[in-house]
Every structure is written in C-alpha cells, then in structure tokens.
N, C-alpha and C. Protein backbone atom coordinates (compact mmCIF):
# COMPACT_ATOMS: atom_id res chain seq x y z
N MET A 1 95.41 38.17 69.68
CA MET A 1 96.06 38.79 68.54
C MET A 1 97.49 39.18 68.95
N LYS A 2 98.42 39.00 68.03
CA LYS A 2 99.83 39.35 68.28
C LYS A 2 100.18 40.60 67.48
N GLU A 3 100.96 41.49 68.08
CA GLU A 3 101.38 42.71 67.42
C GLU A 3 102.88 42.88 67.66
N ILE A 4 103.64 43.08 66.58
CA ILE A 4 105.07 43.27 66.68
C ILE A 4 105.41 44.72 66.34
N SER A 5 106.19 45.33 67.21
CA SER A 5 106.62 46.72 67.01
C SER A 5 108.13 46.82 67.20
N ALA A 6 108.65 47.95 66.80
CA ALA A 6 110.07 48.22 67.01
C ALA A 6 110.28 49.71 67.15
N GLY A 7 111.39 50.05 67.81
CA GLY A 7 111.72 51.45 68.00
C GLY A 7 113.11 51.57 68.59
N GLY A 8 113.36 52.73 69.18
CA GLY A 8 114.71 52.91 69.67
C GLY A 8 114.87 53.98 70.72
N VAL A 9 116.01 53.87 71.38
CA VAL A 9 116.49 54.94 72.23
C VAL A 9 117.36 55.79 71.31
N VAL A 10 116.82 56.94 70.92
CA VAL A 10 117.50 57.83 69.97
C VAL A 10 118.42 58.75 70.75
N TYR A 11 119.64 58.89 70.25
CA TYR A 11 120.62 59.74 70.94
C TYR A 11 121.44 60.52 69.93
N GLN A 12 122.03 61.60 70.43
CA GLN A 12 123.06 62.33 69.68
C GLN A 12 124.22 62.55 70.63
N ALA A 13 125.41 62.27 70.12
CA ALA A 13 126.59 62.34 70.97
C ALA A 13 127.69 63.13 70.30
N THR A 14 128.33 63.97 71.10
CA THR A 14 129.55 64.66 70.69
C THR A 14 130.62 64.28 71.70
N ASP A 15 131.81 64.82 71.54
CA ASP A 15 132.88 64.52 72.49
C ASP A 15 132.52 64.92 73.92
N SER A 16 131.72 65.96 74.06
CA SER A 16 131.44 66.49 75.39
C SER A 16 129.97 66.41 75.82
N ASN A 17 129.11 65.87 74.97
CA ASN A 17 127.69 65.96 75.25
C ASN A 17 126.95 64.73 74.73
N LEU A 18 126.00 64.24 75.52
CA LEU A 18 125.12 63.16 75.11
C LEU A 18 123.69 63.60 75.38
N LEU A 19 122.85 63.49 74.39
CA LEU A 19 121.44 63.82 74.54
C LEU A 19 120.59 62.61 74.16
N ILE A 20 119.52 62.40 74.92
CA ILE A 20 118.60 61.29 74.72
C ILE A 20 117.23 61.88 74.36
N MET A 21 116.59 61.30 73.34
CA MET A 21 115.28 61.77 72.92
C MET A 21 114.18 61.01 73.66
N LEU A 22 113.23 61.77 74.19
CA LEU A 22 112.04 61.19 74.79
C LEU A 22 110.80 61.81 74.15
N ILE A 23 109.77 61.00 74.08
CA ILE A 23 108.50 61.42 73.51
C ILE A 23 107.48 61.55 74.64
N GLU A 24 106.63 62.55 74.53
CA GLU A 24 105.45 62.61 75.40
C GLU A 24 104.29 62.11 74.55
N ASP A 25 103.68 60.99 74.96
CA ASP A 25 102.61 60.42 74.14
C ASP A 25 101.28 61.12 74.39
N ARG A 26 100.26 60.70 73.71
CA ARG A 26 98.95 61.37 73.80
C ARG A 26 98.29 61.21 75.17
N TYR A 27 98.85 60.32 76.01
CA TYR A 27 98.34 60.13 77.37
C TYR A 27 99.14 60.93 78.40
N GLY A 28 100.14 61.71 77.91
CA GLY A 28 100.96 62.51 78.81
C GLY A 28 102.10 61.76 79.46
N LYS A 29 102.33 60.52 79.01
CA LYS A 29 103.42 59.69 79.54
C LYS A 29 104.67 59.90 78.70
N VAL A 30 105.83 59.70 79.33
CA VAL A 30 107.11 59.77 78.64
C VAL A 30 107.43 58.38 78.09
N THR A 31 107.88 58.32 76.83
CA THR A 31 108.15 57.03 76.21
C THR A 31 109.23 57.17 75.14
N LEU A 32 109.47 56.07 74.47
CA LEU A 32 110.47 55.99 73.41
C LEU A 32 109.76 55.85 72.06
N ALA A 33 110.42 56.27 71.00
CA ALA A 33 109.84 56.15 69.66
C ALA A 33 109.68 54.67 69.32
N LYS A 34 108.48 54.30 68.90
CA LYS A 34 108.22 52.92 68.48
C LYS A 34 106.92 52.86 67.70
N GLY A 35 106.76 51.77 66.96
CA GLY A 35 105.51 51.58 66.25
C GLY A 35 105.44 50.21 65.60
N LYS A 36 104.28 49.95 65.01
CA LYS A 36 103.99 48.63 64.45
C LYS A 36 104.76 48.33 63.17
N ARG A 37 105.16 47.08 63.06
CA ARG A 37 105.83 46.60 61.86
C ARG A 37 104.81 46.50 60.73
N GLU A 38 105.22 46.96 59.55
CA GLU A 38 104.38 46.87 58.36
C GLU A 38 104.73 45.61 57.58
N LEU A 39 103.81 45.16 56.78
CA LEU A 39 103.98 43.95 55.98
C LEU A 39 105.25 44.03 55.13
N GLY A 40 106.08 42.99 55.19
CA GLY A 40 107.29 42.92 54.38
C GLY A 40 108.49 43.65 54.96
N GLU A 41 108.32 44.27 56.12
CA GLU A 41 109.38 45.06 56.74
C GLU A 41 110.16 44.20 57.74
N THR A 42 111.46 44.43 57.82
CA THR A 42 112.23 43.79 58.89
C THR A 42 112.01 44.58 60.17
N ILE A 43 112.36 43.96 61.29
CA ILE A 43 112.26 44.65 62.58
C ILE A 43 113.14 45.90 62.56
N GLU A 44 114.33 45.78 62.00
CA GLU A 44 115.26 46.91 61.95
C GLU A 44 114.71 48.06 61.10
N GLU A 45 114.10 47.72 59.97
CA GLU A 45 113.48 48.76 59.12
C GLU A 45 112.35 49.44 59.85
N THR A 46 111.58 48.67 60.60
CA THR A 46 110.48 49.24 61.38
C THR A 46 111.00 50.25 62.40
N ALA A 47 112.06 49.89 63.10
CA ALA A 47 112.61 50.77 64.13
C ALA A 47 113.00 52.12 63.54
N LEU A 48 113.73 52.11 62.44
CA LEU A 48 114.17 53.37 61.83
C LEU A 48 113.01 54.16 61.23
N ARG A 49 112.06 53.47 60.60
CA ARG A 49 110.91 54.16 60.02
C ARG A 49 110.08 54.83 61.11
N GLU A 50 109.85 54.13 62.19
CA GLU A 50 109.03 54.68 63.26
C GLU A 50 109.70 55.89 63.94
N VAL A 51 111.00 55.81 64.14
CA VAL A 51 111.71 56.97 64.68
C VAL A 51 111.51 58.17 63.76
N LEU A 52 111.69 57.96 62.47
CA LEU A 52 111.53 59.04 61.50
C LEU A 52 110.10 59.57 61.48
N GLU A 53 109.11 58.67 61.42
CA GLU A 53 107.71 59.11 61.35
C GLU A 53 107.27 59.87 62.59
N GLU A 54 107.65 59.39 63.76
CA GLU A 54 107.17 60.02 65.00
C GLU A 54 107.91 61.29 65.35
N THR A 55 109.19 61.38 64.95
CA THR A 55 110.02 62.50 65.44
C THR A 55 110.62 63.36 64.34
N GLY A 56 110.65 62.86 63.09
CA GLY A 56 111.29 63.59 62.01
C GLY A 56 112.80 63.40 61.98
N VAL A 57 113.34 62.61 62.92
CA VAL A 57 114.78 62.42 63.02
C VAL A 57 115.21 61.16 62.27
N ARG A 58 116.25 61.31 61.45
CA ARG A 58 116.83 60.16 60.75
C ARG A 58 117.94 59.60 61.60
N GLY A 59 118.03 58.27 61.62
CA GLY A 59 119.03 57.66 62.48
C GLY A 59 119.71 56.45 61.87
N ARG A 60 120.80 56.07 62.53
CA ARG A 60 121.55 54.85 62.19
C ARG A 60 121.29 53.83 63.28
N LEU A 61 120.96 52.63 62.87
CA LEU A 61 120.67 51.57 63.83
C LEU A 61 121.95 51.08 64.50
N GLY A 62 121.90 51.01 65.81
CA GLY A 62 123.00 50.46 66.59
C GLY A 62 122.62 49.11 67.16
N GLU A 63 123.19 48.79 68.30
CA GLU A 63 122.96 47.47 68.88
C GLU A 63 121.54 47.31 69.39
N LYS A 64 121.08 46.05 69.39
CA LYS A 64 119.77 45.77 69.97
C LYS A 64 119.88 45.84 71.48
N LEU A 65 118.92 46.52 72.11
CA LEU A 65 118.93 46.70 73.55
C LEU A 65 118.12 45.62 74.26
N ASP A 66 116.89 45.40 73.81
CA ASP A 66 116.02 44.47 74.51
C ASP A 66 114.74 44.27 73.70
N THR A 67 114.01 43.24 74.06
CA THR A 67 112.66 43.02 73.56
C THR A 67 111.76 42.94 74.78
N ILE A 68 110.69 43.73 74.76
CA ILE A 68 109.76 43.70 75.89
C ILE A 68 108.43 43.13 75.40
N TYR A 69 107.68 42.56 76.33
CA TYR A 69 106.40 41.92 76.03
C TYR A 69 105.37 42.41 77.03
N TYR A 70 104.18 42.69 76.53
CA TYR A 70 103.08 43.05 77.42
C TYR A 70 101.77 42.85 76.68
N ASP A 71 100.69 42.83 77.43
CA ASP A 71 99.35 42.69 76.86
C ASP A 71 98.58 43.98 77.10
N TYR A 72 97.70 44.29 76.15
CA TYR A 72 96.79 45.42 76.33
C TYR A 72 95.51 45.12 75.56
N HIS A 73 94.48 45.86 75.87
CA HIS A 73 93.21 45.70 75.17
C HIS A 73 93.13 46.75 74.06
N HIS A 74 92.86 46.29 72.84
CA HIS A 74 92.76 47.19 71.69
C HIS A 74 91.68 48.22 71.98
N PRO A 75 91.99 49.52 71.78
CA PRO A 75 91.03 50.57 72.15
C PRO A 75 89.72 50.55 71.35
N VAL A 76 89.73 49.98 70.15
CA VAL A 76 88.52 49.96 69.32
C VAL A 76 87.75 48.65 69.48
N THR A 77 88.46 47.53 69.33
CA THR A 77 87.80 46.22 69.35
C THR A 77 87.68 45.62 70.75
N GLY A 78 88.52 46.06 71.67
CA GLY A 78 88.53 45.49 73.01
C GLY A 78 89.26 44.16 73.08
N GLU A 79 89.76 43.68 71.94
CA GLU A 79 90.47 42.40 71.87
C GLU A 79 91.80 42.49 72.63
N LEU A 80 92.17 41.38 73.28
CA LEU A 80 93.46 41.32 73.97
C LEU A 80 94.57 41.20 72.93
N VAL A 81 95.56 42.09 73.04
CA VAL A 81 96.69 42.11 72.11
C VAL A 81 97.95 41.73 72.87
N ASN A 82 98.67 40.74 72.34
CA ASN A 82 99.99 40.37 72.88
C ASN A 82 101.02 41.20 72.12
N LYS A 83 101.64 42.13 72.79
CA LYS A 83 102.57 43.08 72.16
C LYS A 83 104.01 42.64 72.40
N GLU A 84 104.81 42.74 71.35
CA GLU A 84 106.25 42.44 71.39
C GLU A 84 106.95 43.64 70.78
N VAL A 85 107.84 44.28 71.55
CA VAL A 85 108.50 45.49 71.06
C VAL A 85 110.02 45.29 71.12
N HIS A 86 110.68 45.46 69.97
CA HIS A 86 112.13 45.35 69.85
C HIS A 86 112.73 46.75 69.89
N TYR A 87 113.69 46.96 70.81
CA TYR A 87 114.31 48.27 70.95
C TYR A 87 115.80 48.21 70.59
N TYR A 88 116.26 49.25 69.90
CA TYR A 88 117.64 49.40 69.47
C TYR A 88 118.18 50.74 69.92
N LEU A 89 119.48 50.86 69.98
CA LEU A 89 120.11 52.17 70.05
C LEU A 89 120.02 52.77 68.66
N VAL A 90 119.66 54.02 68.56
CA VAL A 90 119.57 54.71 67.26
C VAL A 90 120.32 56.03 67.37
N GLU A 91 121.39 56.14 66.60
CA GLU A 91 122.17 57.38 66.58
C GLU A 91 121.55 58.34 65.59
N ALA A 92 121.16 59.51 66.06
CA ALA A 92 120.55 60.52 65.19
C ALA A 92 121.62 61.14 64.30
N TYR A 93 121.35 61.20 63.00
CA TYR A 93 122.25 61.96 62.13
C TYR A 93 121.55 63.16 61.53
N SER A 94 120.27 63.33 61.85
CA SER A 94 119.58 64.60 61.66
C SER A 94 118.90 64.86 63.00
N THR A 95 118.85 66.09 63.42
CA THR A 95 118.35 66.36 64.78
C THR A 95 117.16 67.32 64.82
N GLU A 96 116.69 67.76 63.66
CA GLU A 96 115.52 68.63 63.65
C GLU A 96 114.27 67.80 63.92
N ILE A 97 113.53 68.20 64.93
CA ILE A 97 112.35 67.45 65.34
C ILE A 97 111.12 67.93 64.57
N VAL A 98 110.37 66.95 64.05
CA VAL A 98 109.07 67.19 63.42
C VAL A 98 108.11 66.20 64.07
N VAL A 99 107.23 66.69 64.92
CA VAL A 99 106.35 65.84 65.72
C VAL A 99 105.20 65.29 64.88
N GLN A 100 104.95 63.98 65.03
CA GLN A 100 103.79 63.34 64.41
C GLN A 100 102.59 63.62 65.32
N GLU A 101 101.92 64.73 65.07
CA GLU A 101 100.92 65.26 66.00
C GLU A 101 99.71 64.36 66.19
N GLU A 102 99.43 63.47 65.24
CA GLU A 102 98.27 62.58 65.38
C GLU A 102 98.47 61.59 66.52
N GLU A 103 99.73 61.27 66.82
CA GLU A 103 100.00 60.21 67.79
C GLU A 103 100.71 60.68 69.06
N ILE A 104 101.43 61.79 68.99
CA ILE A 104 102.21 62.20 70.16
C ILE A 104 102.06 63.70 70.41
N ASN A 105 102.33 64.10 71.66
CA ASN A 105 102.21 65.50 72.05
C ASN A 105 103.47 66.31 71.81
N ALA A 106 104.63 65.70 72.13
CA ALA A 106 105.89 66.45 72.05
C ALA A 106 107.07 65.50 71.97
N VAL A 107 108.17 66.03 71.48
CA VAL A 107 109.45 65.31 71.43
C VAL A 107 110.52 66.29 71.89
N HIS A 108 111.39 65.82 72.81
CA HIS A 108 112.45 66.69 73.32
C HIS A 108 113.74 65.91 73.53
N TRP A 109 114.86 66.63 73.42
CA TRP A 109 116.18 66.09 73.75
C TRP A 109 116.46 66.40 75.21
N HIS A 110 117.07 65.42 75.92
CA HIS A 110 117.37 65.58 77.34
C HIS A 110 118.78 65.07 77.65
N SER A 111 119.37 65.62 78.69
CA SER A 111 120.61 65.05 79.20
C SER A 111 120.27 63.66 79.74
N PRO A 112 121.25 62.78 79.88
CA PRO A 112 120.97 61.46 80.44
C PRO A 112 120.29 61.51 81.81
N ASP A 113 120.74 62.40 82.69
CA ASP A 113 120.13 62.52 84.02
C ASP A 113 118.67 62.95 83.92
N GLU A 114 118.41 63.95 83.08
CA GLU A 114 117.02 64.41 82.89
C GLU A 114 116.16 63.29 82.32
N ALA A 115 116.69 62.59 81.32
CA ALA A 115 115.93 61.51 80.68
C ALA A 115 115.56 60.44 81.70
N TRP A 116 116.53 60.04 82.54
CA TRP A 116 116.25 59.01 83.54
C TRP A 116 115.23 59.51 84.57
N ALA A 117 115.38 60.75 85.02
CA ALA A 117 114.44 61.30 86.00
C ALA A 117 113.02 61.35 85.43
N LEU A 118 112.88 61.78 84.18
CA LEU A 118 111.56 61.82 83.54
C LEU A 118 110.99 60.42 83.37
N GLN A 119 111.83 59.47 83.00
CA GLN A 119 111.38 58.09 82.85
C GLN A 119 110.85 57.57 84.19
N GLN A 120 111.55 57.89 85.26
CA GLN A 120 111.11 57.41 86.58
C GLN A 120 109.83 58.10 87.04
N LYS A 121 109.68 59.35 86.69
CA LYS A 121 108.51 60.12 87.14
C LYS A 121 107.27 59.88 86.28
N ARG A 122 107.46 59.84 84.93
CA ARG A 122 106.30 59.82 84.04
C ARG A 122 106.35 58.74 82.96
N GLY A 123 107.30 57.81 83.08
CA GLY A 123 107.47 56.81 82.05
C GLY A 123 106.72 55.52 82.32
N TYR A 124 106.65 54.68 81.29
CA TYR A 124 106.10 53.35 81.43
C TYR A 124 107.17 52.46 82.06
N ARG A 125 106.79 51.68 83.07
CA ARG A 125 107.76 50.87 83.80
C ARG A 125 108.50 49.87 82.90
N ASN A 126 107.85 49.37 81.86
CA ASN A 126 108.53 48.39 81.00
C ASN A 126 109.62 49.03 80.14
N ASN A 127 109.74 50.35 80.15
CA ASN A 127 110.83 51.02 79.43
C ASN A 127 112.04 51.31 80.34
N ASP A 128 111.89 51.09 81.65
CA ASP A 128 113.01 51.34 82.58
C ASP A 128 114.26 50.58 82.15
N LYS A 129 114.11 49.27 81.93
CA LYS A 129 115.26 48.44 81.59
C LYS A 129 115.88 48.87 80.26
N VAL A 130 115.03 49.21 79.29
CA VAL A 130 115.53 49.61 77.97
C VAL A 130 116.39 50.87 78.09
N LEU A 131 115.89 51.88 78.79
CA LEU A 131 116.66 53.12 78.95
C LEU A 131 117.91 52.88 79.78
N ARG A 132 117.81 52.05 80.81
CA ARG A 132 118.98 51.73 81.64
C ARG A 132 120.06 51.07 80.78
N LEU A 133 119.69 50.13 79.91
CA LEU A 133 120.65 49.47 79.02
C LEU A 133 121.30 50.47 78.06
N ALA A 134 120.51 51.40 77.54
CA ALA A 134 121.06 52.41 76.63
C ALA A 134 122.07 53.28 77.36
N LEU A 135 121.73 53.74 78.55
CA LEU A 135 122.65 54.58 79.32
C LEU A 135 123.91 53.81 79.71
N HIS A 136 123.75 52.54 80.04
CA HIS A 136 124.90 51.70 80.38
C HIS A 136 125.87 51.60 79.19
N HIS A 137 125.33 51.58 77.97
CA HIS A 137 126.15 51.55 76.77
C HIS A 137 127.14 52.72 76.76
N PHE A 138 126.72 53.84 77.32
CA PHE A 138 127.57 55.05 77.35
C PHE A 138 128.33 55.18 78.68
N GLY A 139 128.30 54.14 79.48
CA GLY A 139 129.04 54.17 80.75
C GLY A 139 128.32 54.91 81.85
N ILE A 140 127.02 55.10 81.71
CA ILE A 140 126.23 55.81 82.72
C ILE A 140 125.39 54.79 83.48
N GLU A 141 125.61 54.72 84.77
CA GLU A 141 124.85 53.79 85.62
C GLU A 141 123.77 54.56 86.37
N VAL A 142 122.56 54.01 86.36
CA VAL A 142 121.44 54.63 87.06
C VAL A 142 120.82 53.62 88.01
C-alpha cells in the first residue's frame, strides 16, 4: 500500500529572531508537522492543512525542502505501507499553538540550535536532512 503525506518545517522570523516549531509525537519522539493527503487535495494543500490541524498555526507555503521515503507496518492491519512525505518551509503568520491532542503530545517553538539538538537527541533520523535544509535556507549550518 502507498501513502502520501505532506508537512513542513514551520518557522517564525523577525529581524533578530528565528524560531522553529517541533512536535512531540505520541511516542515521545520529536518530529515535524505532517499528515496524509486527502482525496482531491494537492500536496501543498495537504502540507498547510496538516500544520493547521496538528498545531493550530496558520502558515504560508515556502520552498519545497525534500521528499522522504520509508516503509512501516500499519498498526491496525499489519500491512506494509510505502510512505512518501513531501516537506516544505512554512512561514507561520499565526503563532498561537493549539495541540491536536489525539495525535500528538506537545508543540513548542525553539531556537535553531535547540531545534537541531532536540532533533539529534530525540528525532527521527529521516528528518535530519529536512531540518538541515531548512536551517541552511536561513544561513545556519549544522
């Protein structure tokens, strides 16, 4: 079975400050906002909808960062799922967080250094490149 998802590295930037949003998922891992594409939706629409649903934050879609691929076993059926996830930069234009409690534990804003350290300590390895590309966009090398 194939599953297509989309999401983003959500950020807020001012002249003197950059913050990156990270999610703590129900497994206690640090991750990025993402979710499954719905029927009739573009990948870009999915990315923005999922950011809003999971975090309560509205955003503007920026450049595409990467597409990652991995397999997992569906928790209910046990079927092997081929997952494809498209990630974008997403600039937050609302910053009040409303957590989608059914799917995630917490959502927090972090400095770029904090975000990278958390990703390295508690993140999924397939998100390393995505976050690195986002930080590189802002001139931050990790």
